[in-house]
Amino acid sequence: MRVVLRLPERKEVEVKGNRPLRQVLEELGLNPETVVAVRGEELLTLEDEVREEDTLEVLSAISGG
């Protein structure tokens, strides 16, 4: 799958195989609790299965108060 990281710099990486989003993020060295992932227009949960043919966009989760 193609993963577009915007953390904040834009970087693209390729990941092989189908698996839960949490596993993909951990494989990329990202803390799953600090990012959000989008596939097309769909916001993904950490349990969602992502497939090799998918394109994901991963963004920093920013909170303020």
PDB file of N, CA and C in Angstrom:
ATOM      1  N   MET A   1       0.840  -1.173   0.000  1.00  0.00           N
ATOM      2  CA  MET A   1       0.000   0.000   0.000  1.00  0.00           C
ATOM      3  C   MET A   1       0.883   1.233   0.000  1.00  0.00           C
ATOM      4  N   ARG A   2       0.348   2.286  -0.522  1.00  0.00           N
ATOM      5  CA  ARG A   2       1.069   3.560  -0.501  1.00  0.00           C
ATOM      6  C   ARG A   2       0.595   4.328   0.727  1.00  0.00           C
ATOM      7  N   VAL A   3       1.529   4.783   1.537  1.00  0.00           N
ATOM      8  CA  VAL A   3       1.209   5.557   2.727  1.00  0.00           C
ATOM      9  C   VAL A   3       1.841   6.931   2.564  1.00  0.00           C
ATOM     10  N   VAL A   4       0.997   7.964   2.602  1.00  0.00           N
ATOM     11  CA  VAL A   4       1.460   9.342   2.510  1.00  0.00           C
ATOM     12  C   VAL A   4       1.477   9.895   3.922  1.00  0.00           C
ATOM     13  N   LEU A   5       2.666  10.220   4.406  1.00  0.00           N
ATOM     14  CA  LEU A   5       2.827  10.762   5.753  1.00  0.00           C
ATOM     15  C   LEU A   5       2.891  12.283   5.665  1.00  0.00           C
ATOM     16  N   ARG A   6       2.159  12.962   6.503  1.00  0.00           N
ATOM     17  CA  ARG A   6       2.196  14.424   6.603  1.00  0.00           C
ATOM     18  C   ARG A   6       2.387  14.756   8.087  1.00  0.00           C
ATOM     19  N   LEU A   7       3.639  14.678   8.519  1.00  0.00           N
ATOM     20  CA  LEU A   7       3.926  14.732   9.967  1.00  0.00           C
ATOM     21  C   LEU A   7       5.019  15.715  10.358  1.00  0.00           C
ATOM     22  N   PRO A   8       5.141  16.938  10.049  1.00  0.00           N
ATOM     23  CA  PRO A   8       4.342  17.707   9.103  1.00  0.00           C
ATOM     24  C   PRO A   8       4.890  17.627   7.673  1.00  0.00           C
ATOM     25  N   GLU A   9       6.140  17.167   7.513  1.00  0.00           N
ATOM     26  CA  GLU A   9       6.703  17.064   6.168  1.00  0.00           C
ATOM     27  C   GLU A   9       6.041  15.922   5.408  1.00  0.00           C
ATOM     28  N   ARG A  10       5.869  16.100   4.103  1.00  0.00           N
ATOM     29  CA  ARG A  10       5.236  15.074   3.274  1.00  0.00           C
ATOM     30  C   ARG A  10       6.272  14.031   2.855  1.00  0.00           C
ATOM     31  N   LYS A  11       5.921  12.767   3.048  1.00  0.00           N
ATOM     32  CA  LYS A  11       6.799  11.657   2.673  1.00  0.00           C
ATOM     33  C   LYS A  11       5.917  10.483   2.266  1.00  0.00           C
ATOM     34  N   GLU A  12       6.307   9.758   1.219  1.00  0.00           N
ATOM     35  CA  GLU A  12       5.552   8.586   0.787  1.00  0.00           C
ATOM     36  C   GLU A  12       6.376   7.334   1.016  1.00  0.00           C
ATOM     37  N   VAL A  13       5.723   6.293   1.531  1.00  0.00           N
ATOM     38  CA  VAL A  13       6.378   5.006   1.735  1.00  0.00           C
ATOM     39  C   VAL A  13       5.459   3.900   1.213  1.00  0.00           C
ATOM     40  N   GLU A  14       6.051   2.778   0.854  1.00  0.00           N
ATOM     41  CA  GLU A  14       5.307   1.603   0.407  1.00  0.00           C
ATOM     42  C   GLU A  14       5.355   0.551   1.507  1.00  0.00           C
ATOM     43  N   VAL A  15       4.212  -0.075   1.766  1.00  0.00           N
ATOM     44  CA  VAL A  15       4.110  -1.136   2.755  1.00  0.00           C
ATOM     45  C   VAL A  15       3.426  -2.320   2.077  1.00  0.00           C
ATOM     46  N   LYS A  16       3.970  -3.505   2.240  1.00  0.00           N
ATOM     47  CA  LYS A  16       3.416  -4.713   1.618  1.00  0.00           C
ATOM     48  C   LYS A  16       2.479  -5.440   2.567  1.00  0.00           C
ATOM     49  N   GLY A  17       1.462  -6.077   2.004  1.00  0.00           N
ATOM     50  CA  GLY A  17       0.584  -6.960   2.774  1.00  0.00           C
ATOM     51  C   GLY A  17      -0.650  -6.285   3.339  1.00  0.00           C
ATOM     52  N   ASN A  18      -1.623  -7.116   3.685  1.00  0.00           N
ATOM     53  CA  ASN A  18      -2.873  -6.673   4.308  1.00  0.00           C
ATOM     54  C   ASN A  18      -2.773  -6.883   5.813  1.00  0.00           C
ATOM     55  N   ARG A  19      -3.222  -5.894   6.577  1.00  0.00           N
ATOM     56  CA  ARG A  19      -3.208  -6.024   8.044  1.00  0.00           C
ATOM     57  C   ARG A  19      -3.953  -4.858   8.685  1.00  0.00           C
ATOM     58  N   PRO A  20      -4.186  -4.934  10.004  1.00  0.00           N
ATOM     59  CA  PRO A  20      -4.861  -3.827  10.693  1.00  0.00           C
ATOM     60  C   PRO A  20      -4.014  -2.550  10.649  1.00  0.00           C
ATOM     61  N   LEU A  21      -4.704  -1.422  10.629  1.00  0.00           N
ATOM     62  CA  LEU A  21      -4.022  -0.127  10.591  1.00  0.00           C
ATOM     63  C   LEU A  21      -3.015   0.010  11.732  1.00  0.00           C
ATOM     64  N   ARG A  22      -3.392  -0.416  12.935  1.00  0.00           N
ATOM     65  CA  ARG A  22      -2.480  -0.290  14.088  1.00  0.00           C
ATOM     66  C   ARG A  22      -1.122  -0.936  13.780  1.00  0.00           C
ATOM     67  N   GLN A  23      -1.138  -2.100  13.157  1.00  0.00           N
ATOM     68  CA  GLN A  23       0.098  -2.818  12.847  1.00  0.00           C
ATOM     69  C   GLN A  23       0.938  -2.049  11.815  1.00  0.00           C
ATOM     70  N   VAL A  24       0.283  -1.454  10.826  1.00  0.00           N
ATOM     71  CA  VAL A  24       0.996  -0.662   9.813  1.00  0.00           C
ATOM     72  C   VAL A  24       1.678   0.536  10.471  1.00  0.00           C
ATOM     73  N   LEU A  25       0.951   1.244  11.323  1.00  0.00           N
ATOM     74  CA  LEU A  25       1.516   2.426  11.983  1.00  0.00           C
ATOM     75  C   LEU A  25       2.700   2.043  12.865  1.00  0.00           C
ATOM     76  N   GLU A  26       2.567   0.954  13.616  1.00  0.00           N
ATOM     77  CA  GLU A  26       3.663   0.513  14.485  1.00  0.00           C
ATOM     78  C   GLU A  26       4.882   0.103  13.660  1.00  0.00           C
ATOM     79  N   GLU A  27       4.643  -0.551  12.515  1.00  0.00           N
ATOM     80  CA  GLU A  27       5.740  -0.942  11.632  1.00  0.00           C
ATOM     81  C   GLU A  27       6.499   0.284  11.110  1.00  0.00           C
ATOM     82  N   LEU A  28       5.775   1.388  10.919  1.00  0.00           N
ATOM     83  CA  LEU A  28       6.403   2.629  10.446  1.00  0.00           C
ATOM     84  C   LEU A  28       7.013   3.440  11.591  1.00  0.00           C
ATOM     85  N   GLY A  29       6.926   2.924  12.819  1.00  0.00           N
ATOM     86  CA  GLY A  29       7.510   3.615  13.966  1.00  0.00           C
ATOM     87  C   GLY A  29       6.670   4.767  14.464  1.00  0.00           C
ATOM     88  N   LEU A  30       5.367   4.734  14.168  1.00  0.00           N
ATOM     89  CA  LEU A  30       4.462   5.807  14.589  1.00  0.00           C
ATOM     90  C   LEU A  30       3.635   5.354  15.776  1.00  0.00           C
ATOM     91  N   ASN A  31       3.428   6.248  16.720  1.00  0.00           N
ATOM     92  CA  ASN A  31       2.561   5.968  17.856  1.00  0.00           C
ATOM     93  C   ASN A  31       1.117   6.080  17.369  1.00  0.00           C
ATOM     94  N   PRO A  32       0.351   4.990  17.367  1.00  0.00           N
ATOM     95  CA  PRO A  32      -1.023   5.022  16.858  1.00  0.00           C
ATOM     96  C   PRO A  32      -1.932   6.006  17.587  1.00  0.00           C
ATOM     97  N   GLU A  33      -1.567   6.407  18.784  1.00  0.00           N
ATOM     98  CA  GLU A  33      -2.399   7.327  19.556  1.00  0.00           C
ATOM     99  C   GLU A  33      -2.171   8.787  19.179  1.00  0.00           C
ATOM    100  N   THR A  34      -1.169   9.071  18.328  1.00  0.00           N
ATOM    101  CA  THR A  34      -0.837  10.466  18.008  1.00  0.00           C
ATOM    102  C   THR A  34      -1.100  10.835  16.557  1.00  0.00           C
ATOM    103  N   VAL A  35      -1.679   9.906  15.781  1.00  0.00           N
ATOM    104  CA  VAL A  35      -1.949  10.179  14.370  1.00  0.00           C
ATOM    105  C   VAL A  35      -3.371   9.752  14.009  1.00  0.00           C
ATOM    106  N   VAL A  36      -3.856  10.273  12.880  1.00  0.00           N
ATOM    107  CA  VAL A  36      -5.111   9.818  12.296  1.00  0.00           C
ATOM    108  C   VAL A  36      -4.808   9.373  10.873  1.00  0.00           C
ATOM    109  N   ALA A  37      -5.571   8.398  10.391  1.00  0.00           N
ATOM    110  CA  ALA A  37      -5.357   7.870   9.047  1.00  0.00           C
ATOM    111  C   ALA A  37      -6.656   7.959   8.257  1.00  0.00           C
ATOM    112  N   VAL A  38      -6.509   8.317   6.979  1.00  0.00           N
ATOM    113  CA  VAL A  38      -7.650   8.489   6.085  1.00  0.00           C
ATOM    114  C   VAL A  38      -7.402   7.658   4.831  1.00  0.00           C
ATOM    115  N   ARG A  39      -8.443   6.959   4.380  1.00  0.00           N
ATOM    116  CA  ARG A  39      -8.412   6.229   3.110  1.00  0.00           C
ATOM    117  C   ARG A  39      -9.514   6.846   2.260  1.00  0.00           C
ATOM    118  N   GLY A  40      -9.122   7.604   1.236  1.00  0.00           N
ATOM    119  CA  GLY A  40     -10.113   8.338   0.449  1.00  0.00           C
ATOM    120  C   GLY A  40     -10.770   9.392   1.323  1.00  0.00           C
ATOM    121  N   GLU A  41     -12.077   9.266   1.543  1.00  0.00           N
ATOM    122  CA  GLU A  41     -12.825  10.193   2.403  1.00  0.00           C
ATOM    123  C   GLU A  41     -13.127   9.574   3.770  1.00  0.00           C
ATOM    124  N   GLU A  42     -12.626   8.355   4.013  1.00  0.00           N
ATOM    125  CA  GLU A  42     -12.982   7.586   5.205  1.00  0.00           C
ATOM    126  C   GLU A  42     -11.906   7.693   6.288  1.00  0.00           C
ATOM    127  N   LEU A  43     -12.309   8.154   7.470  1.00  0.00           N
ATOM    128  CA  LEU A  43     -11.433   8.172   8.636  1.00  0.00           C
ATOM    129  C   LEU A  43     -11.363   6.752   9.180  1.00  0.00           C
ATOM    130  N   LEU A  44     -10.159   6.224   9.348  1.00  0.00           N
ATOM    131  CA  LEU A  44      -9.986   4.830   9.755  1.00  0.00           C
ATOM    132  C   LEU A  44      -9.796   4.701  11.262  1.00  0.00           C
ATOM    133  N   THR A  45     -10.233   3.555  11.805  1.00  0.00           N
ATOM    134  CA  THR A  45      -9.937   3.219  13.192  1.00  0.00           C
ATOM    135  C   THR A  45      -8.703   2.323  13.198  1.00  0.00           C
ATOM    136  N   LEU A  46      -8.101   2.160  14.344  1.00  0.00           N
ATOM    137  CA  LEU A  46      -6.892   1.349  14.449  1.00  0.00           C
ATOM    138  C   LEU A  46      -7.153  -0.119  14.137  1.00  0.00           C
ATOM    139  N   GLU A  47      -8.395  -0.564  14.249  1.00  0.00           N
ATOM    140  CA  GLU A  47      -8.738  -1.957  13.985  1.00  0.00           C
ATOM    141  C   GLU A  47      -9.096  -2.208  12.523  1.00  0.00           C
ATOM    142  N   ASP A  48      -9.300  -1.153  11.728  1.00  0.00           N
ATOM    143  CA  ASP A  48      -9.662  -1.331  10.321  1.00  0.00           C
ATOM    144  C   ASP A  48      -8.565  -2.062   9.562  1.00  0.00           C
ATOM    145  N   GLU A  49      -8.992  -2.987   8.708  1.00  0.00           N
ATOM    146  CA  GLU A  49      -8.059  -3.733   7.850  1.00  0.00           C
ATOM    147  C   GLU A  49      -7.697  -2.853   6.661  1.00  0.00           C
ATOM    148  N   VAL A  50      -6.405  -2.710   6.403  1.00  0.00           N
ATOM    149  CA  VAL A  50      -5.957  -1.979   5.223  1.00  0.00           C
ATOM    150  C   VAL A  50      -5.309  -2.979   4.271  1.00  0.00           C
ATOM    151  N   ARG A  51      -5.521  -2.748   2.982  1.00  0.00           N
ATOM    152  CA  ARG A  51      -5.074  -3.692   1.963  1.00  0.00           C
ATOM    153  C   ARG A  51      -3.932  -3.120   1.143  1.00  0.00           C
ATOM    154  N   GLU A  52      -3.206  -4.004   0.533  1.00  0.00           N
ATOM    155  CA  GLU A  52      -2.022  -3.628  -0.234  1.00  0.00           C
ATOM    156  C   GLU A  52      -2.345  -2.633  -1.345  1.00  0.00           C
ATOM    157  N   GLU A  53      -3.557  -2.689  -1.894  1.00  0.00           N
ATOM    158  CA  GLU A  53      -3.912  -1.783  -2.987  1.00  0.00           C
ATOM    159  C   GLU A  53      -4.408  -0.415  -2.502  1.00  0.00           C
ATOM    160  N   ASP A  54      -4.504  -0.211  -1.172  1.00  0.00           N
ATOM    161  CA  ASP A  54      -4.997   1.049  -0.612  1.00  0.00           C
ATOM    162  C   ASP A  54      -3.943   2.150  -0.666  1.00  0.00           C
ATOM    163  N   THR A  55      -4.436   3.387  -0.640  1.00  0.00           N
ATOM    164  CA  THR A  55      -3.591   4.559  -0.418  1.00  0.00           C
ATOM    165  C   THR A  55      -4.100   5.224   0.850  1.00  0.00           C
ATOM    166  N   LEU A  56      -3.214   5.385   1.815  1.00  0.00           N
ATOM    167  CA  LEU A  56      -3.570   5.999   3.094  1.00  0.00           C
ATOM    168  C   LEU A  56      -2.863   7.335   3.236  1.00  0.00           C
ATOM    169  N   GLU A  57      -3.514   8.239   3.937  1.00  0.00           N
ATOM    170  CA  GLU A  57      -2.871   9.492   4.304  1.00  0.00           C
ATOM    171  C   GLU A  57      -2.841   9.527   5.832  1.00  0.00           C
ATOM    172  N   VAL A  58      -1.665   9.756   6.397  1.00  0.00           N
ATOM    173  CA  VAL A  58      -1.495   9.762   7.851  1.00  0.00           C
ATOM    174  C   VAL A  58      -1.099  11.174   8.274  1.00  0.00           C
ATOM    175  N   LEU A  59      -1.866  11.712   9.215  1.00  0.00           N
ATOM    176  CA  LEU A  59      -1.688  13.089   9.694  1.00  0.00           C
ATOM    177  C   LEU A  59      -1.474  13.103  11.197  1.00  0.00           C
ATOM    178  N   SER A  60      -0.754  14.111  11.683  1.00  0.00           N
ATOM    179  CA  SER A  60      -0.620  14.296  13.129  1.00  0.00           C
ATOM    180  C   SER A  60      -1.961  14.684  13.714  1.00  0.00           C
ATOM    181  N   ALA A  61      -2.321  14.062  14.828  1.00  0.00           N
ATOM    182  CA  ALA A  61      -3.532  14.439  15.545  1.00  0.00           C
ATOM    183  C   ALA A  61      -3.152  15.612  16.448  1.00  0.00           C
ATOM    184  N   ILE A  62      -3.798  16.733  16.229  1.00  0.00           N
ATOM    185  CA  ILE A  62      -3.482  17.944  16.990  1.00  0.00           C
ATOM    186  C   ILE A  62      -4.671  18.278  17.870  1.00  0.00           C
ATOM    187  N   SER A  63      -4.379  18.512  19.134  1.00  0.00           N
ATOM    188  CA  SER A  63      -5.458  18.934  20.035  1.00  0.00           C
ATOM    189  C   SER A  63      -5.047  20.246  20.700  1.00  0.00           C
ATOM    190  N   GLY A  64      -6.007  20.977  21.059  1.00  0.00           N
ATOM    191  CA  GLY A  64      -5.740  22.259  21.706  1.00  0.00           C
ATOM    192  C   GLY A  64      -6.814  22.550  22.729  1.00  0.00           C
ATOM    193  N   GLY A  65      -6.600  23.571  23.440  1.00  0.00           N
ATOM    194  CA  GLY A  65      -7.635  23.841  24.440  1.00  0.00           C
ATOM    195  C   GLY A  65      -7.574  25.152  24.948  1.00  0.00           C
TER     196      GLY A  65
END
